[in-house]
Amino acid sequence: MAYRSFSTLFTQHPADVGETYGEHLAHASGFGLRMIVGGFACILHGLFPFLFVKTGSRQIETLHGRMIVNRSKLPEPLDFVI
């Protein structure tokens, strides 16, 4: 692995996806919390099929939509031939 500064370890990926460290922390934490809650609802749905009938699929749709919206904020790559 090439040498990178310690701070770069925390900022490179967020910058690659068009976010600051704080924005990335908030978005990733929100995703994680939603996944935990959705997973718990799916487990309960497995035990009690009449509960949370659409919760899991709604969570997936919501997270997928958020990810696509965030990706669309990134600038388009330049497409030219040298």
PDB file of N, CA and C in Angstrom:
ATOM      1  N   MET A   1       0.857  -1.183   0.000  1.00  0.00           N
ATOM      2  CA  MET A   1       0.000   0.000   0.000  1.00  0.00           C
ATOM      3  C   MET A   1       0.893   1.232   0.000  1.00  0.00           C
ATOM      4  N   ALA A   2       0.568   2.170  -0.826  1.00  0.00           N
ATOM      5  CA  ALA A   2       1.334   3.410  -0.901  1.00  0.00           C
ATOM      6  C   ALA A   2       1.152   4.218   0.386  1.00  0.00           C
ATOM      7  N   TYR A   3       2.163   4.998   0.719  1.00  0.00           N
ATOM      8  CA  TYR A   3       2.100   5.814   1.926  1.00  0.00           C
ATOM      9  C   TYR A   3       1.034   6.890   1.776  1.00  0.00           C
ATOM     10  N   ARG A   4       0.200   7.011   2.783  1.00  0.00           N
ATOM     11  CA  ARG A   4      -0.792   8.090   2.836  1.00  0.00           C
ATOM     12  C   ARG A   4      -0.746   8.674   4.235  1.00  0.00           C
ATOM     13  N   SER A   5      -1.016   9.952   4.313  1.00  0.00           N
ATOM     14  CA  SER A   5      -1.027  10.574   5.630  1.00  0.00           C
ATOM     15  C   SER A   5      -2.220  10.040   6.425  1.00  0.00           C
ATOM     16  N   PHE A   6      -2.091  10.134   7.728  1.00  0.00           N
ATOM     17  CA  PHE A   6      -3.142   9.641   8.617  1.00  0.00           C
ATOM     18  C   PHE A   6      -4.474  10.325   8.333  1.00  0.00           C
ATOM     19  N   SER A   7      -4.455  11.639   8.123  1.00  0.00           N
ATOM     20  CA  SER A   7      -5.708  12.359   7.878  1.00  0.00           C
ATOM     21  C   SER A   7      -6.349  11.946   6.557  1.00  0.00           C
ATOM     22  N   THR A   8      -5.522  11.552   5.581  1.00  0.00           N
ATOM     23  CA  THR A   8      -6.051  11.112   4.293  1.00  0.00           C
ATOM     24  C   THR A   8      -6.894   9.849   4.441  1.00  0.00           C
ATOM     25  N   LEU A   9      -6.530   9.018   5.412  1.00  0.00           N
ATOM     26  CA  LEU A   9      -7.309   7.801   5.647  1.00  0.00           C
ATOM     27  C   LEU A   9      -8.765   8.126   5.981  1.00  0.00           C
ATOM     28  N   PHE A  10      -8.996   9.285   6.590  1.00  0.00           N
ATOM     29  CA  PHE A  10     -10.338   9.688   7.000  1.00  0.00           C
ATOM     30  C   PHE A  10     -11.041  10.567   5.970  1.00  0.00           C
ATOM     31  N   THR A  11     -10.313  11.110   5.024  1.00  0.00           N
ATOM     32  CA  THR A  11     -10.923  12.084   4.112  1.00  0.00           C
ATOM     33  C   THR A  11     -10.987  11.634   2.659  1.00  0.00           C
ATOM     34  N   GLN A  12     -10.177  10.665   2.250  1.00  0.00           N
ATOM     35  CA  GLN A  12     -10.123  10.275   0.837  1.00  0.00           C
ATOM     36  C   GLN A  12     -11.448   9.705   0.339  1.00  0.00           C
ATOM     37  N   HIS A  13     -11.962   8.700   1.004  1.00  0.00           N
ATOM     38  CA  HIS A  13     -13.223   8.100   0.536  1.00  0.00           C
ATOM     39  C   HIS A  13     -14.383   9.091   0.575  1.00  0.00           C
ATOM     40  N   PRO A  14     -14.576   9.838   1.668  1.00  0.00           N
ATOM     41  CA  PRO A  14     -15.646  10.838   1.632  1.00  0.00           C
ATOM     42  C   PRO A  14     -15.494  11.812   0.455  1.00  0.00           C
ATOM     43  N   ALA A  15     -14.262  12.253   0.189  1.00  0.00           N
ATOM     44  CA  ALA A  15     -14.041  13.164  -0.943  1.00  0.00           C
ATOM     45  C   ALA A  15     -14.377  12.480  -2.258  1.00  0.00           C
ATOM     46  N   ASP A  16     -14.058  11.186  -2.368  1.00  0.00           N
ATOM     47  CA  ASP A  16     -14.348  10.444  -3.598  1.00  0.00           C
ATOM     48  C   ASP A  16     -15.840  10.376  -3.889  1.00  0.00           C
ATOM     49  N   VAL A  17     -16.662  10.416  -2.845  1.00  0.00           N
ATOM     50  CA  VAL A  17     -18.109  10.359  -3.044  1.00  0.00           C
ATOM     51  C   VAL A  17     -18.766  11.735  -2.886  1.00  0.00           C
ATOM     52  N   GLY A  18     -17.939  12.789  -2.879  1.00  0.00           N
ATOM     53  CA  GLY A  18     -18.467  14.151  -2.880  1.00  0.00           C
ATOM     54  C   GLY A  18     -18.971  14.635  -1.532  1.00  0.00           C
ATOM     55  N   GLU A  19     -18.382  14.144  -0.439  1.00  0.00           N
ATOM     56  CA  GLU A  19     -18.828  14.535   0.890  1.00  0.00           C
ATOM     57  C   GLU A  19     -17.628  14.946   1.743  1.00  0.00           C
ATOM     58  N   THR A  20     -17.899  15.717   2.772  1.00  0.00           N
ATOM     59  CA  THR A  20     -16.892  15.984   3.792  1.00  0.00           C
ATOM     60  C   THR A  20     -16.893  14.793   4.750  1.00  0.00           C
ATOM     61  N   TYR A  21     -15.913  14.763   5.654  1.00  0.00           N
ATOM     62  CA  TYR A  21     -15.878  13.689   6.646  1.00  0.00           C
ATOM     63  C   TYR A  21     -17.161  13.683   7.484  1.00  0.00           C
ATOM     64  N   GLY A  22     -17.587  14.865   7.943  1.00  0.00           N
ATOM     65  CA  GLY A  22     -18.793  14.966   8.762  1.00  0.00           C
ATOM     66  C   GLY A  22     -20.045  14.531   8.018  1.00  0.00           C
ATOM     67  N   GLU A  23     -20.169  14.953   6.767  1.00  0.00           N
ATOM     68  CA  GLU A  23     -21.327  14.540   5.959  1.00  0.00           C
ATOM     69  C   GLU A  23     -21.332  13.027   5.778  1.00  0.00           C
ATOM     70  N   HIS A  24     -20.156  12.469   5.492  1.00  0.00           N
ATOM     71  CA  HIS A  24     -20.062  11.025   5.288  1.00  0.00           C
ATOM     72  C   HIS A  24     -20.401  10.270   6.574  1.00  0.00           C
ATOM     73  N   LEU A  25     -19.914  10.781   7.707  1.00  0.00           N
ATOM     74  CA  LEU A  25     -20.229  10.169   8.997  1.00  0.00           C
ATOM     75  C   LEU A  25     -21.734  10.152   9.230  1.00  0.00           C
ATOM     76  N   ALA A  26     -22.386  11.274   8.967  1.00  0.00           N
ATOM     77  CA  ALA A  26     -23.834  11.361   9.173  1.00  0.00           C
ATOM     78  C   ALA A  26     -24.586  10.426   8.223  1.00  0.00           C
ATOM     79  N   HIS A  27     -24.214  10.434   6.947  1.00  0.00           N
ATOM     80  CA  HIS A  27     -24.915   9.581   5.980  1.00  0.00           C
ATOM     81  C   HIS A  27     -24.692   8.108   6.272  1.00  0.00           C
ATOM     82  N   ALA A  28     -23.440   7.720   6.515  1.00  0.00           N
ATOM     83  CA  ALA A  28     -23.149   6.307   6.769  1.00  0.00           C
ATOM     84  C   ALA A  28     -23.808   5.832   8.063  1.00  0.00           C
ATOM     85  N   SER A  29     -23.809   6.675   9.088  1.00  0.00           N
ATOM     86  CA  SER A  29     -24.457   6.306  10.345  1.00  0.00           C
ATOM     87  C   SER A  29     -25.958   6.169  10.167  1.00  0.00           C
ATOM     88  N   GLY A  30     -26.549   7.078   9.392  1.00  0.00           N
ATOM     89  CA  GLY A  30     -27.983   6.987   9.104  1.00  0.00           C
ATOM     90  C   GLY A  30     -28.330   5.720   8.347  1.00  0.00           C
ATOM     91  N   PHE A  31     -27.481   5.369   7.361  1.00  0.00           N
ATOM     92  CA  PHE A  31     -27.689   4.125   6.625  1.00  0.00           C
ATOM     93  C   PHE A  31     -27.623   2.940   7.578  1.00  0.00           C
ATOM     94  N   GLY A  32     -26.591   2.921   8.403  1.00  0.00           N
ATOM     95  CA  GLY A  32     -26.408   1.802   9.326  1.00  0.00           C
ATOM     96  C   GLY A  32     -27.570   1.643  10.283  1.00  0.00           C
ATOM     97  N   LEU A  33     -28.032   2.753  10.835  1.00  0.00           N
ATOM     98  CA  LEU A  33     -29.163   2.696  11.763  1.00  0.00           C
ATOM     99  C   LEU A  33     -30.412   2.191  11.060  1.00  0.00           C
ATOM    100  N   ARG A  34     -30.658   2.674   9.857  1.00  0.00           N
ATOM    101  CA  ARG A  34     -31.820   2.204   9.092  1.00  0.00           C
ATOM    102  C   ARG A  34     -31.729   0.714   8.805  1.00  0.00           C
ATOM    103  N   MET A  35     -30.520   0.241   8.497  1.00  0.00           N
ATOM    104  CA  MET A  35     -30.338  -1.182   8.207  1.00  0.00           C
ATOM    105  C   MET A  35     -30.569  -2.022   9.457  1.00  0.00           C
ATOM    106  N   ILE A  36     -30.112  -1.544  10.608  1.00  0.00           N
ATOM    107  CA  ILE A  36     -30.329  -2.271  11.860  1.00  0.00           C
ATOM    108  C   ILE A  36     -31.824  -2.347  12.181  1.00  0.00           C
ATOM    109  N   VAL A  37     -32.505  -1.214  12.097  1.00  0.00           N
ATOM    110  CA  VAL A  37     -33.942  -1.185  12.389  1.00  0.00           C
ATOM    111  C   VAL A  37     -34.707  -2.056  11.392  1.00  0.00           C
ATOM    112  N   GLY A  38     -34.356  -1.947  10.106  1.00  0.00           N
ATOM    113  CA  GLY A  38     -35.011  -2.768   9.091  1.00  0.00           C
ATOM    114  C   GLY A  38     -34.753  -4.248   9.306  1.00  0.00           C
ATOM    115  N   GLY A  39     -33.525  -4.594   9.684  1.00  0.00           N
ATOM    116  CA  GLY A  39     -33.188  -5.989   9.955  1.00  0.00           C
ATOM    117  C   GLY A  39     -33.956  -6.538  11.141  1.00  0.00           C
ATOM    118  N   PHE A  40     -34.064  -5.732  12.183  1.00  0.00           N
ATOM    119  CA  PHE A  40     -34.832  -6.142  13.360  1.00  0.00           C
ATOM    120  C   PHE A  40     -36.302  -6.357  12.989  1.00  0.00           C
ATOM    121  N   ALA A  41     -36.839  -5.460  12.159  1.00  0.00           N
ATOM    122  CA  ALA A  41     -38.228  -5.609  11.713  1.00  0.00           C
ATOM    123  C   ALA A  41     -38.395  -6.890  10.896  1.00  0.00           C
ATOM    124  N   CYS A  42     -37.390  -7.228  10.078  1.00  0.00           N
ATOM    125  CA  CYS A  42     -37.469  -8.461   9.284  1.00  0.00           C
ATOM    126  C   CYS A  42     -37.442  -9.705  10.172  1.00  0.00           C
ATOM    127  N   ILE A  43     -36.619  -9.664  11.222  1.00  0.00           N
ATOM    128  CA  ILE A  43     -36.572 -10.797  12.159  1.00  0.00           C
ATOM    129  C   ILE A  43     -37.925 -10.962  12.842  1.00  0.00           C
ATOM    130  N   LEU A  44     -38.495  -9.856  13.306  1.00  0.00           N
ATOM    131  CA  LEU A  44     -39.817  -9.925  13.934  1.00  0.00           C
ATOM    132  C   LEU A  44     -40.874 -10.397  12.946  1.00  0.00           C
ATOM    133  N   HIS A  45     -40.758  -9.952  11.689  1.00  0.00           N
ATOM    134  CA  HIS A  45     -41.702 -10.389  10.655  1.00  0.00           C
ATOM    135  C   HIS A  45     -41.587 -11.905  10.440  1.00  0.00           C
ATOM    136  N   GLY A  46     -40.365 -12.434  10.504  1.00  0.00           N
ATOM    137  CA  GLY A  46     -40.188 -13.882  10.363  1.00  0.00           C
ATOM    138  C   GLY A  46     -40.900 -14.649  11.464  1.00  0.00           C
ATOM    139  N   LEU A  47     -40.841 -14.117  12.673  1.00  0.00           N
ATOM    140  CA  LEU A  47     -41.508 -14.764  13.804  1.00  0.00           C
ATOM    141  C   LEU A  47     -43.017 -14.540  13.797  1.00  0.00           C
ATOM    142  N   PHE A  48     -43.408 -13.326  13.424  1.00  0.00           N
ATOM    143  CA  PHE A  48     -44.820 -12.923  13.423  1.00  0.00           C
ATOM    144  C   PHE A  48     -45.149 -12.354  12.041  1.00  0.00           C
ATOM    145  N   PRO A  49     -45.529 -13.216  11.092  1.00  0.00           N
ATOM    146  CA  PRO A  49     -45.700 -12.794   9.698  1.00  0.00           C
ATOM    147  C   PRO A  49     -46.694 -11.650   9.476  1.00  0.00           C
ATOM    148  N   PHE A  50     -47.520 -11.386  10.432  1.00  0.00           N
ATOM    149  CA  PHE A  50     -48.512 -10.319  10.296  1.00  0.00           C
ATOM    150  C   PHE A  50     -47.931  -8.959  10.673  1.00  0.00           C
ATOM    151  N   LEU A  51     -46.706  -8.910  11.233  1.00  0.00           N
ATOM    152  CA  LEU A  51     -46.061  -7.643  11.598  1.00  0.00           C
ATOM    153  C   LEU A  51     -45.053  -7.226  10.526  1.00  0.00           C
ATOM    154  N   PHE A  52     -44.921  -5.951  10.322  1.00  0.00           N
ATOM    155  CA  PHE A  52     -43.881  -5.374   9.449  1.00  0.00           C
ATOM    156  C   PHE A  52     -43.834  -6.024   8.068  1.00  0.00           C
ATOM    157  N   VAL A  53     -44.993  -6.174   7.454  1.00  0.00           N
ATOM    158  CA  VAL A  53     -45.113  -6.891   6.180  1.00  0.00           C
ATOM    159  C   VAL A  53     -44.292  -6.242   5.071  1.00  0.00           C
ATOM    160  N   LYS A  54     -44.218  -4.915   5.037  1.00  0.00           N
ATOM    161  CA  LYS A  54     -43.493  -4.228   3.958  1.00  0.00           C
ATOM    162  C   LYS A  54     -42.299  -3.411   4.456  1.00  0.00           C
ATOM    163  N   THR A  55     -41.993  -3.487   5.722  1.00  0.00           N
ATOM    164  CA  THR A  55     -40.950  -2.642   6.301  1.00  0.00           C
ATOM    165  C   THR A  55     -39.583  -2.904   5.681  1.00  0.00           C
ATOM    166  N   GLY A  56     -39.189  -4.159   5.540  1.00  0.00           N
ATOM    167  CA  GLY A  56     -37.883  -4.493   4.978  1.00  0.00           C
ATOM    168  C   GLY A  56     -37.716  -3.976   3.566  1.00  0.00           C
ATOM    169  N   SER A  57     -38.699  -4.226   2.711  1.00  0.00           N
ATOM    170  CA  SER A  57     -38.594  -3.773   1.323  1.00  0.00           C
ATOM    171  C   SER A  57     -38.629  -2.248   1.236  1.00  0.00           C
ATOM    172  N   ARG A  58     -39.378  -1.590   2.113  1.00  0.00           N
ATOM    173  CA  ARG A  58     -39.388  -0.119   2.120  1.00  0.00           C
ATOM    174  C   ARG A  58     -38.027   0.444   2.513  1.00  0.00           C
ATOM    175  N   GLN A  59     -37.400  -0.185   3.495  1.00  0.00           N
ATOM    176  CA  GLN A  59     -36.072   0.279   3.917  1.00  0.00           C
ATOM    177  C   GLN A  59     -35.077   0.152   2.769  1.00  0.00           C
ATOM    178  N   ILE A  60     -35.113  -0.966   2.068  1.00  0.00           N
ATOM    179  CA  ILE A  60     -34.211  -1.177   0.934  1.00  0.00           C
ATOM    180  C   ILE A  60     -34.467  -0.130  -0.141  1.00  0.00           C
ATOM    181  N   GLU A  61     -35.723   0.116  -0.466  1.00  0.00           N
ATOM    182  CA  GLU A  61     -36.062   1.131  -1.471  1.00  0.00           C
ATOM    183  C   GLU A  61     -35.573   2.512  -1.046  1.00  0.00           C
ATOM    184  N   THR A  62     -35.773   2.853   0.223  1.00  0.00           N
ATOM    185  CA  THR A  62     -35.352   4.157   0.736  1.00  0.00           C
ATOM    186  C   THR A  62     -33.844   4.306   0.650  1.00  0.00           C
ATOM    187  N   LEU A  63     -33.101   3.301   1.116  1.00  0.00           N
ATOM    188  CA  LEU A  63     -31.646   3.377   1.094  1.00  0.00           C
ATOM    189  C   LEU A  63     -31.110   3.404  -0.331  1.00  0.00           C
ATOM    190  N   HIS A  64     -31.690   2.621  -1.206  1.00  0.00           N
ATOM    191  CA  HIS A  64     -31.266   2.622  -2.609  1.00  0.00           C
ATOM    192  C   HIS A  64     -31.504   4.003  -3.215  1.00  0.00           C
ATOM    193  N   GLY A  65     -32.663   4.572  -2.945  1.00  0.00           N
ATOM    194  CA  GLY A  65     -32.964   5.907  -3.464  1.00  0.00           C
ATOM    195  C   GLY A  65     -31.989   6.952  -2.953  1.00  0.00           C
ATOM    196  N   ARG A  66     -31.669   6.902  -1.685  1.00  0.00           N
ATOM    197  CA  ARG A  66     -30.704   7.856  -1.117  1.00  0.00           C
ATOM    198  C   ARG A  66     -29.334   7.721  -1.759  1.00  0.00           C
ATOM    199  N   MET A  67     -28.926   6.489  -1.979  1.00  0.00           N
ATOM    200  CA  MET A  67     -27.609   6.265  -2.562  1.00  0.00           C
ATOM    201  C   MET A  67     -27.555   6.800  -3.992  1.00  0.00           C
ATOM    202  N   ILE A  68     -28.597   6.587  -4.757  1.00  0.00           N
ATOM    203  CA  ILE A  68     -28.637   7.074  -6.139  1.00  0.00           C
ATOM    204  C   ILE A  68     -28.668   8.597  -6.154  1.00  0.00           C
ATOM    205  N   VAL A  69     -29.444   9.214  -5.279  1.00  0.00           N
ATOM    206  CA  VAL A  69     -29.512  10.675  -5.212  1.00  0.00           C
ATOM    207  C   VAL A  69     -28.141  11.241  -4.865  1.00  0.00           C
ATOM    208  N   ASN A  70     -27.450  10.659  -3.882  1.00  0.00           N
ATOM    209  CA  ASN A  70     -26.127  11.147  -3.504  1.00  0.00           C
ATOM    210  C   ASN A  70     -25.127  10.983  -4.634  1.00  0.00           C
ATOM    211  N   ARG A  71     -25.199   9.887  -5.359  1.00  0.00           N
ATOM    212  CA  ARG A  71     -24.282   9.689  -6.484  1.00  0.00           C
ATOM    213  C   ARG A  71     -24.545  10.701  -7.581  1.00  0.00           C
ATOM    214  N   SER A  72     -25.792  11.102  -7.761  1.00  0.00           N
ATOM    215  CA  SER A  72     -26.099  12.048  -8.835  1.00  0.00           C
ATOM    216  C   SER A  72     -25.571  13.440  -8.528  1.00  0.00           C
ATOM    217  N   LYS A  73     -25.162  13.713  -7.269  1.00  0.00           N
ATOM    218  CA  LYS A  73     -24.591  15.006  -6.911  1.00  0.00           C
ATOM    219  C   LYS A  73     -23.147  15.139  -7.361  1.00  0.00           C
ATOM    220  N   LEU A  74     -22.488  14.002  -7.627  1.00  0.00           N
ATOM    221  CA  LEU A  74     -21.095  14.044  -8.040  1.00  0.00           C
ATOM    222  C   LEU A  74     -20.993  14.624  -9.446  1.00  0.00           C
ATOM    223  N   PRO A  75     -19.926  15.371  -9.725  1.00  0.00           N
ATOM    224  CA  PRO A  75     -19.765  15.900 -11.080  1.00  0.00           C
ATOM    225  C   PRO A  75     -19.531  14.766 -12.076  1.00  0.00           C
ATOM    226  N   GLU A  76     -20.016  14.953 -13.264  1.00  0.00           N
ATOM    227  CA  GLU A  76     -19.815  13.956 -14.320  1.00  0.00           C
ATOM    228  C   GLU A  76     -18.343  13.948 -14.719  1.00  0.00           C
ATOM    229  N   PRO A  77     -17.780  12.754 -14.957  1.00  0.00           N
ATOM    230  CA  PRO A  77     -16.387  12.707 -15.408  1.00  0.00           C
ATOM    231  C   PRO A  77     -16.262  13.293 -16.801  1.00  0.00           C
ATOM    232  N   LEU A  78     -15.140  13.918 -17.072  1.00  0.00           N
ATOM    233  CA  LEU A  78     -14.891  14.462 -18.410  1.00  0.00           C
ATOM    234  C   LEU A  78     -14.663  13.306 -19.373  1.00  0.00           C
ATOM    235  N   ASP A  79     -15.312  13.372 -20.496  1.00  0.00           N
ATOM    236  CA  ASP A  79     -15.223  12.306 -21.471  1.00  0.00           C
ATOM    237  C   ASP A  79     -14.657  12.889 -22.762  1.00  0.00           C
ATOM    238  N   PHE A  80     -13.356  12.802 -22.916  1.00  0.00           N
ATOM    239  CA  PHE A  80     -12.755  13.323 -24.126  1.00  0.00           C
ATOM    240  C   PHE A  80     -11.541  12.474 -24.482  1.00  0.00           C
ATOM    241  N   VAL A  81     -11.136  12.547 -25.727  1.00  0.00           N
ATOM    242  CA  VAL A  81     -10.006  11.783 -26.226  1.00  0.00           C
ATOM    243  C   VAL A  81      -8.845  12.723 -26.434  1.00  0.00           C
ATOM    244  N   ILE A  82      -7.670  12.304 -25.976  1.00  0.00           N
ATOM    245  CA  ILE A  82      -6.472  13.150 -26.154  1.00  0.00           C
ATOM    246  C   ILE A  82      -5.800  12.799 -27.441  1.00  0.00           C
TER     247      ILE A  82
END
